[in-house]
Amino acid sequence: MIFTQDVSSFGVASAATGTSAAATSIVPNDAWNLVGSVVTSSSRQNVYSTGEWTSSGPWTTYYHNWHDANSRTQGWNMFMGDGYPNGTTQQKYSNDGQSNEHRLIEWAQENRMGFYYKDRFEYDNATGDYSGVTWRCMPIRNTTSSSITRSMSTSRTGAGGHHGGHSTIMYTPNSSGYSSVTGGSWNVVDSNSYTSESNYNQTFNISIPANTTVLVMNTSGWWNHTTYRFKDTNMFYNLDSLFSDDNSLVCDLRMLNTLSTVRIKGESSTSSNPWKIYPQCALIHGDR
């Protein structure tokens, strides 16, 4: 696949106003057969010596099922690559081990995306609630003028209780246009996902408002399989049921690129604002 870019309009200053011109999109057009997600992970207590963490996240107690507001605040910051974004010498609480991902884009082949029983080797062998955690986010856009409800499926591992739990959560912005978003809300789609599971599959319905991009987050905890070996399943499947070739629902490739690259200003370890990703997406790739 070849990406093209009109460099004549990328970040060029306007002689009349002295302001920066909008960037031309550097990602391909959305289509039913282009589906990706962004992944970040942490080894938690399996990090050697300084840097390991348990139930206490960047701010306060962290529950990986995101069933409380404080956990969503911390979880979003850690997913974005830094649980302490206003820090200097504090640990980042993500990408802290040799096998970790850091805002990595993974693409779908046929009907599945992600990993199933991924093998992770962790020498400290810290098990239970604090073995390791993974965050995955897929931006889904409704291109039509009506709300769409459709089936989707996820697969996840869990480790222990809430601290190493797992869940599927959806963020819905308060406006359909990127540049006009000023807030939004999280909704726990899978409300039974906080228990420990070696592997957990579920199919459910999600509803996406008209002309809107939502962020679907899939979290998993690493399951201790044997000494020093952990299994991590974090996957979307049955993508043929979610995306059809009429392009009514698509993976938002502009947002996918923004999630993997953009720097958000004004964040701290005690607050996070997922809505800020939307106007940043408009600045990079154009509004819609």
C-alpha atoms as a PDB file:
ATOM      1  CA  MET A   1       0.000   0.000   0.000  1.00  0.00           C
ATOM      2  CA  ILE A   2       1.371   3.408  -0.947  1.00  0.00           C
ATOM      3  CA  PHE A   3       0.613   6.503   1.103  1.00  0.00           C
ATOM      4  CA  THR A   4       0.695   9.801  -0.744  1.00  0.00           C
ATOM      5  CA  GLN A   5       1.029  13.289   0.628  1.00  0.00           C
ATOM      6  CA  ASP A   6       0.627  16.741  -0.898  1.00  0.00           C
ATOM      7  CA  VAL A   7       3.636  18.433   0.682  1.00  0.00           C
ATOM      8  CA  SER A   8       2.687  21.771  -0.815  1.00  0.00           C
ATOM      9  CA  SER A   9       0.028  22.275   1.878  1.00  0.00           C
ATOM     10  CA  PHE A  10       1.541  20.455   4.835  1.00  0.00           C
ATOM     11  CA  GLY A  11       2.205  22.880   7.694  1.00  0.00           C
ATOM     12  CA  VAL A  12       2.779  25.812   5.312  1.00  0.00           C
ATOM     13  CA  ALA A  13       2.399  29.281   6.820  1.00  0.00           C
ATOM     14  CA  SER A  14      -0.142  31.602   5.270  1.00  0.00           C
ATOM     15  CA  ALA A  15       1.440  34.866   4.082  1.00  0.00           C
ATOM     16  CA  ALA A  16      -1.809  36.745   4.700  1.00  0.00           C
ATOM     17  CA  THR A  17      -2.540  35.531   8.225  1.00  0.00           C
ATOM     18  CA  GLY A  18       0.733  34.093   9.476  1.00  0.00           C
ATOM     19  CA  THR A  19      -1.137  30.970  10.604  1.00  0.00           C
ATOM     20  CA  SER A  20      -0.380  27.390   9.719  1.00  0.00           C
ATOM     21  CA  ALA A  21      -2.414  25.812   6.952  1.00  0.00           C
ATOM     22  CA  ALA A  22      -4.280  22.561   7.597  1.00  0.00           C
ATOM     23  CA  ALA A  23      -2.390  19.394   6.776  1.00  0.00           C
ATOM     24  CA  THR A  24      -3.397  17.222   3.869  1.00  0.00           C
ATOM     25  CA  SER A  25      -4.394  13.731   4.981  1.00  0.00           C
ATOM     26  CA  ILE A  26      -1.490  11.270   4.823  1.00  0.00           C
ATOM     27  CA  VAL A  27      -3.614   8.172   5.377  1.00  0.00           C
ATOM     28  CA  PRO A  28      -5.723   6.306   2.798  1.00  0.00           C
ATOM     29  CA  ASN A  29      -9.463   6.686   2.556  1.00  0.00           C
ATOM     30  CA  ASP A  30     -11.527   4.572   4.948  1.00  0.00           C
ATOM     31  CA  ALA A  31     -12.790   1.311   3.509  1.00  0.00           C
ATOM     32  CA  TRP A  32     -14.368  -1.881   4.838  1.00  0.00           C
ATOM     33  CA  ASN A  33     -11.169  -3.870   4.128  1.00  0.00           C
ATOM     34  CA  LEU A  34      -8.781  -1.567   6.060  1.00  0.00           C
ATOM     35  CA  VAL A  35      -9.159  -2.338   9.767  1.00  0.00           C
ATOM     36  CA  GLY A  36      -6.588  -1.679  12.471  1.00  0.00           C
ATOM     37  CA  SER A  37      -6.211  -1.016  16.193  1.00  0.00           C
ATOM     38  CA  VAL A  38      -3.633   0.594  18.490  1.00  0.00           C
ATOM     39  CA  VAL A  39      -2.034  -1.494  21.272  1.00  0.00           C
ATOM     40  CA  THR A  40      -0.086  -0.634  24.451  1.00  0.00           C
ATOM     41  CA  SER A  41       0.908  -2.976  27.282  1.00  0.00           C
ATOM     42  CA  SER A  42       2.680  -3.086  30.650  1.00  0.00           C
ATOM     43  CA  SER A  43       4.540  -5.856  32.474  1.00  0.00           C
ATOM     44  CA  ARG A  44       3.541  -4.447  35.895  1.00  0.00           C
ATOM     45  CA  GLN A  45       5.178  -6.494  38.722  1.00  0.00           C
ATOM     46  CA  ASN A  46       7.303  -8.456  36.269  1.00  0.00           C
ATOM     47  CA  VAL A  47       9.515  -5.436  35.683  1.00  0.00           C
ATOM     48  CA  TYR A  48      12.875  -5.994  37.379  1.00  0.00           C
ATOM     49  CA  SER A  49      13.314  -3.862  40.541  1.00  0.00           C
ATOM     50  CA  THR A  50      12.567  -0.147  40.053  1.00  0.00           C
ATOM     51  CA  GLY A  51       9.644   0.409  37.739  1.00  0.00           C
ATOM     52  CA  GLU A  52       7.328  -2.396  38.807  1.00  0.00           C
ATOM     53  CA  TRP A  53       3.845  -1.579  40.038  1.00  0.00           C
ATOM     54  CA  THR A  54       0.898  -3.468  41.531  1.00  0.00           C
ATOM     55  CA  SER A  55      -2.625  -2.243  42.265  1.00  0.00           C
ATOM     56  CA  SER A  56      -1.453   1.361  42.672  1.00  0.00           C
ATOM     57  CA  GLY A  57      -1.314   3.011  39.277  1.00  0.00           C
ATOM     58  CA  PRO A  58      -0.012   6.446  38.328  1.00  0.00           C
ATOM     59  CA  TRP A  59      -2.587   8.173  40.538  1.00  0.00           C
ATOM     60  CA  THR A  60      -4.506   5.759  42.759  1.00  0.00           C
ATOM     61  CA  THR A  61      -5.743   2.151  42.814  1.00  0.00           C
ATOM     62  CA  TYR A  62      -6.137   0.926  39.250  1.00  0.00           C
ATOM     63  CA  TYR A  63      -8.795  -1.588  38.182  1.00  0.00           C
ATOM     64  CA  HIS A  64      -8.154  -2.961  34.715  1.00  0.00           C
ATOM     65  CA  ASN A  65     -11.847  -3.506  33.994  1.00  0.00           C
ATOM     66  CA  TRP A  66     -12.315   0.300  33.888  1.00  0.00           C
ATOM     67  CA  HIS A  67     -15.511   0.082  35.930  1.00  0.00           C
ATOM     68  CA  ASP A  68     -14.698   3.279  37.845  1.00  0.00           C
ATOM     69  CA  ALA A  69     -13.825   6.773  36.654  1.00  0.00           C
ATOM     70  CA  ASN A  70     -10.383   6.860  38.299  1.00  0.00           C
ATOM     71  CA  SER A  71      -9.339   3.690  36.486  1.00  0.00           C
ATOM     72  CA  ARG A  72     -10.510   5.087  33.148  1.00  0.00           C
ATOM     73  CA  THR A  73      -8.473   8.229  33.770  1.00  0.00           C
ATOM     74  CA  GLN A  74      -5.322   6.264  34.512  1.00  0.00           C
ATOM     75  CA  GLY A  75      -5.990   3.597  31.895  1.00  0.00           C
ATOM     76  CA  TRP A  76      -6.356   6.101  29.076  1.00  0.00           C
ATOM     77  CA  ASN A  77      -3.110   7.853  30.022  1.00  0.00           C
ATOM     78  CA  MET A  78      -1.262   4.533  30.190  1.00  0.00           C
ATOM     79  CA  PHE A  79      -2.741   3.422  26.856  1.00  0.00           C
ATOM     80  CA  MET A  80      -1.507   6.679  25.324  1.00  0.00           C
ATOM     81  CA  GLY A  81       1.982   5.743  26.487  1.00  0.00           C
ATOM     82  CA  ASP A  82       2.527   7.642  29.731  1.00  0.00           C
ATOM     83  CA  GLY A  83       0.590   7.218  32.972  1.00  0.00           C
ATOM     84  CA  TYR A  84       2.358  10.303  34.344  1.00  0.00           C
ATOM     85  CA  PRO A  85       2.315  12.643  31.315  1.00  0.00           C
ATOM     86  CA  ASN A  86       3.244  15.733  33.351  1.00  0.00           C
ATOM     87  CA  GLY A  87       6.170  14.001  35.042  1.00  0.00           C
ATOM     88  CA  THR A  88       9.942  14.252  34.789  1.00  0.00           C
ATOM     89  CA  THR A  89      11.481  11.209  36.472  1.00  0.00           C
ATOM     90  CA  GLN A  90       8.351   9.173  37.309  1.00  0.00           C
ATOM     91  CA  GLN A  91       7.798   5.792  35.676  1.00  0.00           C
ATOM     92  CA  LYS A  92       5.402   5.754  32.737  1.00  0.00           C
ATOM     93  CA  TYR A  93       3.413   2.669  33.768  1.00  0.00           C
ATOM     94  CA  SER A  94       3.390   1.327  30.206  1.00  0.00           C
ATOM     95  CA  ASN A  95       5.930  -0.116  27.758  1.00  0.00           C
ATOM     96  CA  ASP A  96       7.992  -1.053  30.820  1.00  0.00           C
ATOM     97  CA  GLY A  97       9.126  -4.540  29.812  1.00  0.00           C
ATOM     98  CA  GLN A  98      10.999  -6.195  26.967  1.00  0.00           C
ATOM     99  CA  SER A  99       7.910  -7.699  25.328  1.00  0.00           C
ATOM    100  CA  ASN A 100       5.621  -4.669  25.599  1.00  0.00           C
ATOM    101  CA  GLU A 101       3.867  -2.716  22.877  1.00  0.00           C
ATOM    102  CA  HIS A 102       3.771   1.085  22.770  1.00  0.00           C
ATOM    103  CA  ARG A 103       0.978   2.658  20.692  1.00  0.00           C
ATOM    104  CA  LEU A 104       1.574   0.049  18.034  1.00  0.00           C
ATOM    105  CA  ILE A 105      -0.830  -0.313  15.095  1.00  0.00           C
ATOM    106  CA  GLU A 106      -1.897  -3.892  14.344  1.00  0.00           C
ATOM    107  CA  TRP A 107      -3.946  -4.742  11.259  1.00  0.00           C
ATOM    108  CA  ALA A 108      -6.647  -7.321  10.578  1.00  0.00           C
ATOM    109  CA  GLN A 109      -6.348 -10.317   8.286  1.00  0.00           C
ATOM    110  CA  GLU A 110      -9.755 -11.709   7.280  1.00  0.00           C
ATOM    111  CA  ASN A 111     -12.043 -11.643  10.344  1.00  0.00           C
ATOM    112  CA  ARG A 112      -9.633 -11.366  13.305  1.00  0.00           C
ATOM    113  CA  MET A 113      -7.331  -8.666  14.666  1.00  0.00           C
ATOM    114  CA  GLY A 114      -4.982  -8.804  17.627  1.00  0.00           C
ATOM    115  CA  PHE A 115      -3.462 -11.824  19.325  1.00  0.00           C
ATOM    116  CA  TYR A 116      -4.796 -15.083  20.723  1.00  0.00           C
ATOM    117  CA  TYR A 117      -2.844 -16.705  23.583  1.00  0.00           C
ATOM    118  CA  LYS A 118       0.218 -14.566  22.912  1.00  0.00           C
ATOM    119  CA  ASP A 119       3.196 -15.977  24.795  1.00  0.00           C
ATOM    120  CA  ARG A 120       4.958 -13.557  27.140  1.00  0.00           C
ATOM    121  CA  PHE A 121       8.078 -14.540  29.056  1.00  0.00           C
ATOM    122  CA  GLU A 122       8.481 -12.690  32.385  1.00  0.00           C
ATOM    123  CA  TYR A 123      11.353 -13.787  34.591  1.00  0.00           C
ATOM    124  CA  ASP A 124       9.979 -12.348  37.839  1.00  0.00           C
ATOM    125  CA  ASN A 125       6.942 -14.652  37.480  1.00  0.00           C
ATOM    126  CA  ALA A 126       4.621 -12.292  39.392  1.00  0.00           C
ATOM    127  CA  THR A 127       1.195 -13.882  39.018  1.00  0.00           C
ATOM    128  CA  GLY A 128      -2.393 -13.106  39.972  1.00  0.00           C
ATOM    129  CA  ASP A 129      -3.818  -9.610  39.752  1.00  0.00           C
ATOM    130  CA  TYR A 130      -0.553  -7.915  38.817  1.00  0.00           C
ATOM    131  CA  SER A 131       1.079 -10.046  36.146  1.00  0.00           C
ATOM    132  CA  GLY A 132       0.657  -7.671  33.212  1.00  0.00           C
ATOM    133  CA  VAL A 133      -2.016  -5.757  31.309  1.00  0.00           C
ATOM    134  CA  THR A 134      -2.820  -4.796  27.701  1.00  0.00           C
ATOM    135  CA  TRP A 135      -4.937  -2.018  26.189  1.00  0.00           C
ATOM    136  CA  ARG A 136      -6.279  -2.093  22.599  1.00  0.00           C
ATOM    137  CA  CYS A 137      -8.308   0.648  20.918  1.00  0.00           C
ATOM    138  CA  MET A 138     -10.187   0.457  17.604  1.00  0.00           C
ATOM    139  CA  PRO A 139     -11.799   3.665  16.236  1.00  0.00           C
ATOM    140  CA  ILE A 140     -15.076   2.903  14.436  1.00  0.00           C
ATOM    141  CA  ARG A 141     -16.865   5.486  12.309  1.00  0.00           C
ATOM    142  CA  ASN A 142     -20.530   5.525  11.301  1.00  0.00           C
ATOM    143  CA  THR A 143     -20.545   7.139   7.854  1.00  0.00           C
ATOM    144  CA  THR A 144     -24.340   7.356   7.584  1.00  0.00           C
ATOM    145  CA  SER A 145     -26.939   9.835   8.814  1.00  0.00           C
ATOM    146  CA  SER A 146     -28.610   7.289  11.111  1.00  0.00           C
ATOM    147  CA  SER A 147     -27.498   5.405  14.213  1.00  0.00           C
ATOM    148  CA  ILE A 148     -26.230   1.874  13.533  1.00  0.00           C
ATOM    149  CA  THR A 149     -26.421  -1.089  15.919  1.00  0.00           C
ATOM    150  CA  ARG A 150     -24.288  -4.047  14.972  1.00  0.00           C
ATOM    151  CA  SER A 151     -22.768  -7.200  16.456  1.00  0.00           C
ATOM    152  CA  MET A 152     -19.120  -7.341  17.474  1.00  0.00           C
ATOM    153  CA  SER A 153     -17.000  -9.980  19.210  1.00  0.00           C
ATOM    154  CA  THR A 154     -13.996  -9.790  21.524  1.00  0.00           C
ATOM    155  CA  SER A 155     -11.670 -12.288  23.157  1.00  0.00           C
ATOM    156  CA  ARG A 156      -9.669 -11.515  26.321  1.00  0.00           C
ATOM    157  CA  THR A 157      -7.654 -13.101  29.107  1.00  0.00           C
ATOM    158  CA  GLY A 158      -7.872 -11.986  32.731  1.00  0.00           C
ATOM    159  CA  ALA A 159      -5.562 -12.347  35.704  1.00  0.00           C
ATOM    160  CA  GLY A 160      -7.033 -12.519  39.188  1.00  0.00           C
ATOM    161  CA  GLY A 161      -9.641  -9.956  40.201  1.00  0.00           C
ATOM    162  CA  HIS A 162     -10.342  -6.375  39.232  1.00  0.00           C
ATOM    163  CA  HIS A 163      -6.693  -5.211  39.243  1.00  0.00           C
ATOM    164  CA  GLY A 164      -5.882  -7.663  36.470  1.00  0.00           C
ATOM    165  CA  GLY A 165      -9.364  -7.792  34.998  1.00  0.00           C
ATOM    166  CA  HIS A 166     -10.589  -7.279  31.462  1.00  0.00           C
ATOM    167  CA  SER A 167     -13.381  -5.457  29.709  1.00  0.00           C
ATOM    168  CA  THR A 168     -14.723  -3.887  26.510  1.00  0.00           C
ATOM    169  CA  ILE A 169     -15.517  -0.188  26.845  1.00  0.00           C
ATOM    170  CA  MET A 170     -16.690   2.402  24.299  1.00  0.00           C
ATOM    171  CA  TYR A 171     -16.018   6.155  24.270  1.00  0.00           C
ATOM    172  CA  THR A 172     -18.628   8.308  22.517  1.00  0.00           C
ATOM    173  CA  PRO A 173     -17.826  11.995  21.832  1.00  0.00           C
ATOM    174  CA  ASN A 174     -20.389  14.756  22.384  1.00  0.00           C
ATOM    175  CA  SER A 175     -20.259  15.887  18.756  1.00  0.00           C
ATOM    176  CA  SER A 176     -19.989  14.243  15.363  1.00  0.00           C
ATOM    177  CA  GLY A 177     -17.420  16.648  13.908  1.00  0.00           C
ATOM    178  CA  TYR A 178     -13.806  16.201  15.040  1.00  0.00           C
ATOM    179  CA  SER A 179     -13.136  19.887  15.669  1.00  0.00           C
ATOM    180  CA  SER A 180     -16.345  20.500  17.615  1.00  0.00           C
ATOM    181  CA  VAL A 181     -15.825  17.734  20.193  1.00  0.00           C
ATOM    182  CA  THR A 182     -15.426  19.130  23.722  1.00  0.00           C
ATOM    183  CA  GLY A 183     -16.207  16.058  25.813  1.00  0.00           C
ATOM    184  CA  GLY A 184     -17.642  12.563  25.790  1.00  0.00           C
ATOM    185  CA  SER A 185     -18.439   9.551  27.922  1.00  0.00           C
ATOM    186  CA  TRP A 186     -17.277   5.971  28.501  1.00  0.00           C
ATOM    187  CA  ASN A 187     -19.739   3.104  28.480  1.00  0.00           C
ATOM    188  CA  VAL A 188     -18.819  -0.383  29.724  1.00  0.00           C
ATOM    189  CA  VAL A 189     -20.144  -2.552  26.908  1.00  0.00           C
ATOM    190  CA  ASP A 190     -19.348  -5.879  28.554  1.00  0.00           C
ATOM    191  CA  SER A 191     -20.648  -5.492  32.118  1.00  0.00           C
ATOM    192  CA  ASN A 192     -19.731  -9.057  33.158  1.00  0.00           C
ATOM    193  CA  SER A 193     -16.041  -8.794  32.327  1.00  0.00           C
ATOM    194  CA  TYR A 194     -14.462  -8.131  35.718  1.00  0.00           C
ATOM    195  CA  THR A 195     -13.958 -11.754  36.797  1.00  0.00           C
ATOM    196  CA  SER A 196     -10.817 -13.835  36.338  1.00  0.00           C
ATOM    197  CA  GLU A 197     -10.726 -15.841  33.113  1.00  0.00           C
ATOM    198  CA  SER A 198      -8.020 -17.863  31.387  1.00  0.00           C
ATOM    199  CA  ASN A 199      -9.794 -16.887  28.170  1.00  0.00           C
ATOM    200  CA  TYR A 200     -13.111 -15.133  27.645  1.00  0.00           C
ATOM    201  CA  ASN A 201     -15.133 -14.713  24.450  1.00  0.00           C
ATOM    202  CA  GLN A 202     -18.271 -12.669  24.060  1.00  0.00           C
ATOM    203  CA  THR A 203     -20.455 -11.359  21.248  1.00  0.00           C
ATOM    204  CA  PHE A 204     -22.623  -8.311  21.886  1.00  0.00           C
ATOM    205  CA  ASN A 205     -24.201  -5.326  20.138  1.00  0.00           C
ATOM    206  CA  ILE A 206     -22.821  -1.807  20.011  1.00  0.00           C
ATOM    207  CA  SER A 207     -24.682   1.302  18.825  1.00  0.00           C
ATOM    208  CA  ILE A 208     -22.793   4.075  17.038  1.00  0.00           C
ATOM    209  CA  PRO A 209     -24.420   7.501  16.490  1.00  0.00           C
ATOM    210  CA  ALA A 210     -24.773   8.975  13.011  1.00  0.00           C
ATOM    211  CA  ASN A 211     -21.657  10.465  11.379  1.00  0.00           C
ATOM    212  CA  THR A 212     -19.613   9.801  14.523  1.00  0.00           C
ATOM    213  CA  THR A 213     -16.346   8.080  15.396  1.00  0.00           C
ATOM    214  CA  VAL A 214     -16.333   6.088  18.646  1.00  0.00           C
ATOM    215  CA  LEU A 215     -13.340   4.513  20.394  1.00  0.00           C
ATOM    216  CA  VAL A 216     -13.778   0.845  21.353  1.00  0.00           C
ATOM    217  CA  MET A 217     -11.274  -0.234  24.019  1.00  0.00           C
ATOM    218  CA  ASN A 218     -10.460  -3.882  24.749  1.00  0.00           C
ATOM    219  CA  THR A 219      -8.446  -4.562  27.926  1.00  0.00           C
ATOM    220  CA  SER A 220      -6.838  -7.859  28.953  1.00  0.00           C
ATOM    221  CA  GLY A 221      -4.853  -9.151  31.935  1.00  0.00           C
ATOM    222  CA  TRP A 222      -2.052 -11.661  31.453  1.00  0.00           C
ATOM    223  CA  TRP A 223      -2.910 -15.180  32.584  1.00  0.00           C
ATOM    224  CA  ASN A 224      -0.152 -17.205  34.297  1.00  0.00           C
ATOM    225  CA  HIS A 225       0.190 -20.368  32.213  1.00  0.00           C
ATOM    226  CA  THR A 226       3.300 -21.914  33.746  1.00  0.00           C
ATOM    227  CA  THR A 227       6.507 -20.717  35.394  1.00  0.00           C
ATOM    228  CA  TYR A 228       7.676 -17.483  33.736  1.00  0.00           C
ATOM    229  CA  ARG A 229       5.136 -17.987  30.946  1.00  0.00           C
ATOM    230  CA  PHE A 230       2.014 -15.878  30.558  1.00  0.00           C
ATOM    231  CA  LYS A 231      -0.729 -15.932  27.946  1.00  0.00           C
ATOM    232  CA  ASP A 232      -2.334 -12.741  26.685  1.00  0.00           C
ATOM    233  CA  THR A 233      -5.413 -12.813  24.473  1.00  0.00           C
ATOM    234  CA  ASN A 234      -6.623  -9.438  23.242  1.00  0.00           C
ATOM    235  CA  MET A 235      -8.504  -9.720  19.997  1.00  0.00           C
ATOM    236  CA  PHE A 236     -11.494  -8.565  17.989  1.00  0.00           C
ATOM    237  CA  TYR A 237     -13.045 -11.262  15.810  1.00  0.00           C
ATOM    238  CA  ASN A 238     -16.089 -11.765  13.553  1.00  0.00           C
ATOM    239  CA  LEU A 239     -15.093  -8.503  11.865  1.00  0.00           C
ATOM    240  CA  ASP A 240     -17.202  -9.532   8.873  1.00  0.00           C
ATOM    241  CA  SER A 241     -20.260  -9.031  11.107  1.00  0.00           C
ATOM    242  CA  LEU A 242     -19.098  -5.575  12.135  1.00  0.00           C
ATOM    243  CA  PHE A 243     -17.781  -4.162   8.839  1.00  0.00           C
ATOM    244  CA  SER A 244     -19.613  -4.767   5.577  1.00  0.00           C
ATOM    245  CA  ASP A 245     -18.631  -3.735   2.059  1.00  0.00           C
ATOM    246  CA  ASP A 246     -21.237  -0.964   1.942  1.00  0.00           C
ATOM    247  CA  ASN A 247     -18.850   1.179   4.074  1.00  0.00           C
ATOM    248  CA  SER A 248     -21.632   2.195   6.461  1.00  0.00           C
ATOM    249  CA  LEU A 249     -19.288   1.319   9.346  1.00  0.00           C
ATOM    250  CA  VAL A 250     -15.549   1.643   8.829  1.00  0.00           C
ATOM    251  CA  CYS A 251     -12.401   1.716  10.893  1.00  0.00           C
ATOM    252  CA  ASP A 252     -11.551   5.433  11.096  1.00  0.00           C
ATOM    253  CA  LEU A 253      -8.027   5.465   9.653  1.00  0.00           C
ATOM    254  CA  ARG A 254      -7.523   9.166  10.376  1.00  0.00           C
ATOM    255  CA  MET A 255      -8.242   8.529  14.041  1.00  0.00           C
ATOM    256  CA  LEU A 256      -6.175   5.336  14.024  1.00  0.00           C
ATOM    257  CA  ASN A 257      -3.126   7.279  12.867  1.00  0.00           C
ATOM    258  CA  THR A 258      -3.781  10.061  15.387  1.00  0.00           C
ATOM    259  CA  LEU A 259      -4.081   7.595  18.275  1.00  0.00           C
ATOM    260  CA  SER A 260      -0.670   6.165  17.432  1.00  0.00           C
ATOM    261  CA  THR A 261       1.192   9.456  16.941  1.00  0.00           C
ATOM    262  CA  VAL A 262      -0.309  12.604  18.462  1.00  0.00           C
ATOM    263  CA  ARG A 263       1.004  14.420  21.542  1.00  0.00           C
ATOM    264  CA  ILE A 264      -1.773  15.719  23.814  1.00  0.00           C
ATOM    265  CA  LYS A 265      -1.011  18.812  25.925  1.00  0.00           C
ATOM    266  CA  GLY A 266      -2.344  19.693  29.362  1.00  0.00           C
ATOM    267  CA  GLU A 267      -2.676  16.155  30.748  1.00  0.00           C
ATOM    268  CA  SER A 268      -1.620  14.964  34.207  1.00  0.00           C
ATOM    269  CA  SER A 269      -1.541  11.751  36.205  1.00  0.00           C
ATOM    270  CA  THR A 270      -4.867  12.677  37.850  1.00  0.00           C
ATOM    271  CA  SER A 271      -6.808  13.637  34.732  1.00  0.00           C
ATOM    272  CA  SER A 272      -7.238  12.509  31.164  1.00  0.00           C
ATOM    273  CA  ASN A 273      -9.346  13.846  28.329  1.00  0.00           C
ATOM    274  CA  PRO A 274      -9.917  11.364  25.498  1.00  0.00           C
ATOM    275  CA  TRP A 275     -11.997  14.006  23.711  1.00  0.00           C
ATOM    276  CA  LYS A 276      -8.813  15.967  22.954  1.00  0.00           C
ATOM    277  CA  ILE A 277      -7.824  13.350  20.395  1.00  0.00           C
ATOM    278  CA  TYR A 278     -10.663  14.507  18.100  1.00  0.00           C
ATOM    279  CA  PRO A 279      -9.665  18.155  17.426  1.00  0.00           C
ATOM    280  CA  GLN A 280      -6.059  16.968  17.118  1.00  0.00           C
ATOM    281  CA  CYS A 281      -7.207  14.530  14.453  1.00  0.00           C
ATOM    282  CA  ALA A 282      -8.867  17.444  12.629  1.00  0.00           C
ATOM    283  CA  LEU A 283      -5.626  19.461  12.739  1.00  0.00           C
ATOM    284  CA  ILE A 284      -3.573  16.595  11.320  1.00  0.00           C
ATOM    285  CA  HIS A 285      -5.926  15.032   8.791  1.00  0.00           C
ATOM    286  CA  GLY A 286      -8.745  17.544   8.277  1.00  0.00           C
ATOM    287  CA  ASP A 287     -12.156  17.840   9.874  1.00  0.00           C
ATOM    288  CA  ARG A 288     -15.270  15.880   9.034  1.00  0.00           C
END
